Amino acid sequence: LLLVYALHLYWVSNLSVVSYVQMAGDVLMVSGILFATGGVESPFSFLYILVIVATSIILPRAACYSIASGAGICYGLLLDLEFFNIIHPVYFMAPSPISRDGGHVFYIIFINIASYYSVAFLSSILSHRLNIVKNELALKSIDLRELQAFHKNVLQNMGNGLWTTDLSGRITSANRAAADILGYSAEEQLGKPCFE
C-alpha cells in the first residue's frame, strides 16, 4: 500500500485528500489483517493504534478522532459479524469457547474502542504541542538570525580593531578594522593563535 500511495503522489496535488485516503485504507488493511488472523482472537488489534498515531502526526486533530471512530466501527463490525456467524475469520487454531460469549465480545470491543479514542486524544495533544514548539522555535531562529546579523554589522563597522578568540587563544573572528591594522584579511587571521 505504501508503494501505491507513493506512486499516486506524482498525480495528486491535494495532499490532504491523499492523507485521508491513505489512513482510511490503512484502517481497512488492519481490518483485513484481523480477519485473516482470527477475528476476536487476533493479537493484532493494536495495529489500529499505529494508524491513529500516524494520523495525529500527519493530519489535524479532528481527523485523528475520525480515524479512531473508523477503527472502532471496523473493529466492532468485524467482531459483531463474527459473533453472529455472518462471517467466519481464518483461524490458525480452534477458537476458544470464551470467544463465543457475548459479554466477552462486548468487553473486547469496548476496551479496544476506548483505547483507540484514548490514543487519539493523547497523540493529538502531543502532535499539537509539537507543532506549537516547532513554530516557536522557527520564530526564535528568525530572531536569532536577525540579532546575529545586527551584531556582525555593528562589529564590522567599528572604528577599532576587534578579535574574538576561543579558550586556547585562536582567533574565531576579526572585524575590518583589525584586518586594516594588521594588513591581513579576516579570513587569513581565522584559526591562528592571537599571539602570532
Protein backbone atom coordinates (compact mmCIF):
# COMPACT_ATOMS: atom_id res chain seq x y z
CA LEU A 1 0.00 0.00 0.00
CA LEU A 2 2.81 2.39 0.77
CA LEU A 3 4.19 1.97 -2.73
CA VAL A 4 0.74 2.60 -4.22
CA TYR A 5 0.37 5.75 -2.10
CA ALA A 6 3.83 6.94 -3.13
CA LEU A 7 3.07 6.44 -6.84
CA HIS A 8 -0.12 8.48 -6.53
CA LEU A 9 1.80 11.46 -5.16
CA TYR A 10 3.00 12.35 -8.66
CA TRP A 11 -0.55 12.85 -9.97
CA VAL A 12 -2.30 14.34 -6.95
CA SER A 13 -1.99 17.97 -5.96
CA ASN A 14 -4.15 17.90 -2.80
CA LEU A 15 -2.03 16.03 -0.28
CA SER A 16 -4.64 16.36 2.46
CA VAL A 17 -7.09 14.21 0.48
CA VAL A 18 -4.36 11.66 -0.21
CA SER A 19 -3.58 11.52 3.52
CA TYR A 20 -7.23 10.88 4.41
CA VAL A 21 -7.49 8.15 1.76
CA GLN A 22 -4.23 6.61 2.97
CA MET A 23 -5.35 6.49 6.60
CA ALA A 24 -8.76 5.07 5.66
CA GLY A 25 -7.00 2.46 3.52
CA ASP A 26 -4.74 1.59 6.43
CA VAL A 27 -7.78 1.08 8.71
CA LEU A 28 -9.32 -1.25 6.14
CA MET A 29 -5.99 -3.08 5.74
CA VAL A 30 -5.76 -3.63 9.51
CA SER A 31 -9.34 -4.92 9.48
CA GLY A 32 -8.29 -7.40 6.79
CA ILE A 33 -5.32 -8.48 8.87
CA LEU A 34 -7.60 -9.05 11.86
CA PHE A 35 -9.99 -11.08 9.72
CA ALA A 36 -7.11 -13.17 8.38
CA THR A 37 -5.66 -13.85 11.83
CA GLY A 38 -8.64 -14.98 13.86
CA GLY A 39 -11.04 -12.08 14.35
CA VAL A 40 -11.86 -11.76 18.05
CA GLU A 41 -8.82 -13.86 18.97
CA SER A 42 -6.38 -11.96 16.76
CA PRO A 43 -3.48 -10.39 18.65
CA PHE A 44 -3.16 -7.61 16.04
CA SER A 45 -5.91 -5.23 17.15
CA PHE A 46 -3.15 -2.88 18.35
CA LEU A 47 -2.34 -2.09 14.70
CA TYR A 48 -5.25 0.36 14.66
CA ILE A 49 -3.35 2.34 17.30
CA LEU A 50 -0.39 2.74 14.94
CA VAL A 51 -2.71 4.13 12.26
CA ILE A 52 -4.21 6.56 14.79
CA VAL A 53 -0.76 7.78 15.87
CA ALA A 54 0.31 8.23 12.24
CA THR A 55 -2.88 10.22 11.62
CA SER A 56 -2.16 12.52 14.55
CA ILE A 57 1.26 13.28 13.08
CA ILE A 58 0.08 13.93 9.53
CA LEU A 59 -3.45 15.33 9.82
CA PRO A 60 -5.30 17.72 12.16
CA ARG A 61 -6.87 16.72 15.47
CA ALA A 62 -10.38 16.18 14.06
CA ALA A 63 -9.02 13.68 11.53
CA CYS A 64 -7.39 11.75 14.36
CA TYR A 65 -10.77 11.30 16.06
CA SER A 66 -12.35 10.40 12.71
CA ILE A 67 -9.80 7.65 12.13
CA ALA A 68 -10.29 6.43 15.73
CA SER A 69 -14.04 6.29 15.03
CA GLY A 70 -13.43 4.44 11.77
CA ALA A 71 -11.15 1.97 13.53
CA GLY A 72 -13.76 1.43 16.26
CA ILE A 73 -16.54 0.92 13.72
CA CYS A 74 -14.50 -1.52 11.63
CA TYR A 75 -13.34 -3.46 14.68
CA GLY A 76 -16.81 -3.58 16.25
CA LEU A 77 -18.41 -4.55 12.94
CA LEU A 78 -15.85 -7.30 12.35
CA LEU A 79 -16.38 -8.80 15.81
CA ASP A 80 -20.18 -8.44 15.65
CA LEU A 81 -20.36 -10.14 12.24
CA GLU A 82 -18.16 -12.91 13.57
CA PHE A 83 -20.25 -13.27 16.75
CA PHE A 84 -23.50 -13.59 14.75
CA ASN A 85 -21.85 -16.14 12.38
CA ILE A 86 -22.27 -13.90 9.32
CA ILE A 87 -18.55 -14.05 8.55
CA HIS A 88 -16.02 -16.69 9.52
CA PRO A 89 -12.47 -15.38 10.04
CA VAL A 90 -9.45 -17.52 9.31
CA TYR A 91 -8.42 -19.37 12.47
CA PHE A 92 -4.99 -20.86 12.85
CA MET A 93 -6.17 -22.81 15.88
CA ALA A 94 -9.64 -23.75 17.03
CA PRO A 95 -11.38 -20.74 18.63
CA SER A 96 -11.74 -20.82 22.37
CA PRO A 97 -15.25 -21.18 23.82
CA ILE A 98 -14.99 -17.81 25.56
CA SER A 99 -14.76 -16.06 22.17
CA ARG A 100 -18.42 -17.04 21.61
CA ASP A 101 -19.57 -15.42 24.86
CA GLY A 102 -21.46 -12.18 24.15
CA GLY A 103 -20.18 -10.48 27.29
CA HIS A 104 -16.59 -11.25 26.39
CA VAL A 105 -17.02 -9.96 22.82
CA PHE A 106 -18.67 -6.76 24.09
CA TYR A 107 -15.87 -6.31 26.64
CA ILE A 108 -13.16 -6.75 23.97
CA ILE A 109 -14.90 -4.26 21.66
CA PHE A 110 -15.36 -1.72 24.46
CA ILE A 111 -11.77 -1.94 25.70
CA ASN A 112 -10.31 -1.62 22.21
CA ILE A 113 -12.52 1.31 21.19
CA ALA A 114 -11.74 3.08 24.48
CA SER A 115 -8.03 2.58 23.83
CA TYR A 116 -8.40 3.93 20.26
CA TYR A 117 -10.01 7.15 21.50
CA SER A 118 -7.52 7.47 24.36
CA VAL A 119 -4.60 7.15 21.96
CA ALA A 120 -6.28 9.62 19.57
CA PHE A 121 -6.68 12.12 22.40
CA LEU A 122 -3.14 11.78 23.73
CA SER A 123 -1.36 11.63 20.38
CA SER A 124 -3.30 14.61 19.02
CA ILE A 125 -2.35 16.65 22.11
CA LEU A 126 1.31 15.69 21.70
CA SER A 127 1.24 16.43 17.99
CA HIS A 128 -0.42 19.81 18.62
CA ARG A 129 2.18 20.72 21.23
CA LEU A 130 4.96 19.62 18.90
CA ASN A 131 3.61 21.96 16.21
CA ILE A 132 3.44 24.84 18.71
CA VAL A 133 7.03 24.23 19.81
CA LYS A 134 8.16 23.95 16.18
CA ASN A 135 6.53 27.30 15.33
CA GLU A 136 8.03 28.97 18.40
CA LEU A 137 11.44 27.57 17.53
CA ALA A 138 11.14 28.90 13.97
CA LEU A 139 10.30 32.37 15.34
CA LYS A 140 13.22 32.25 17.79
CA SER A 141 15.51 31.13 14.96
CA ILE A 142 14.45 34.14 12.88
CA ASP A 143 15.05 36.45 15.86
CA LEU A 144 18.45 34.88 16.46
CA ARG A 145 19.49 35.32 12.81
CA GLU A 146 18.42 38.98 12.90
CA LEU A 147 20.34 39.53 16.13
CA GLN A 148 23.44 37.82 14.70
CA ALA A 149 23.26 39.95 11.54
CA PHE A 150 22.91 43.12 13.63
CA HIS A 151 25.80 42.08 15.88
CA LYS A 152 28.01 41.29 12.88
CA ASN A 153 27.13 44.60 11.22
CA VAL A 154 27.98 46.57 14.39
CA LEU A 155 31.28 44.74 14.87
CA GLN A 156 32.34 45.07 11.22
CA ASN A 157 31.70 48.82 11.20
CA MET A 158 33.55 49.63 14.45
CA GLY A 159 36.49 52.00 14.10
CA ASN A 160 38.62 49.92 16.49
CA GLY A 161 40.11 46.57 15.63
CA LEU A 162 38.37 43.66 17.35
CA TRP A 163 39.21 39.99 17.64
CA THR A 164 37.35 37.23 19.37
CA THR A 165 39.20 34.12 20.45
CA ASP A 166 38.39 30.72 21.83
CA LEU A 167 39.75 29.46 25.17
CA SER A 168 43.01 28.35 23.60
CA GLY A 169 43.66 31.82 22.13
CA ARG A 170 42.86 31.02 18.49
CA ILE A 171 41.11 33.79 16.56
CA THR A 172 37.47 33.00 15.85
CA SER A 173 36.52 36.35 14.25
CA ALA A 174 38.09 39.64 13.25
CA ASN A 175 36.49 42.85 12.04
CA ARG A 176 37.56 45.07 9.11
CA ALA A 177 39.48 47.46 11.34
CA ALA A 178 41.58 44.55 12.69
CA ALA A 179 42.31 43.48 9.11
CA ASP A 180 43.36 47.03 8.17
CA ILE A 181 45.57 47.44 11.24
CA LEU A 182 47.38 44.11 10.76
CA GLY A 183 47.43 44.00 6.98
CA TYR A 184 45.91 40.50 6.90
CA SER A 185 42.38 39.75 5.77
CA ALA A 186 39.91 38.42 8.34
CA GLU A 187 39.97 35.02 6.59
CA GLU A 188 43.77 34.82 6.94
CA GLN A 189 43.54 35.55 10.66
CA LEU A 190 40.88 32.95 11.49
CA GLY A 191 42.14 29.91 13.39
CA LYS A 192 45.61 31.37 14.05
CA PRO A 193 46.90 31.89 17.60
CA CYS A 194 46.39 35.54 18.54
CA PHE A 195 49.98 35.78 19.91
CA GLU A 196 51.35 35.21 16.42
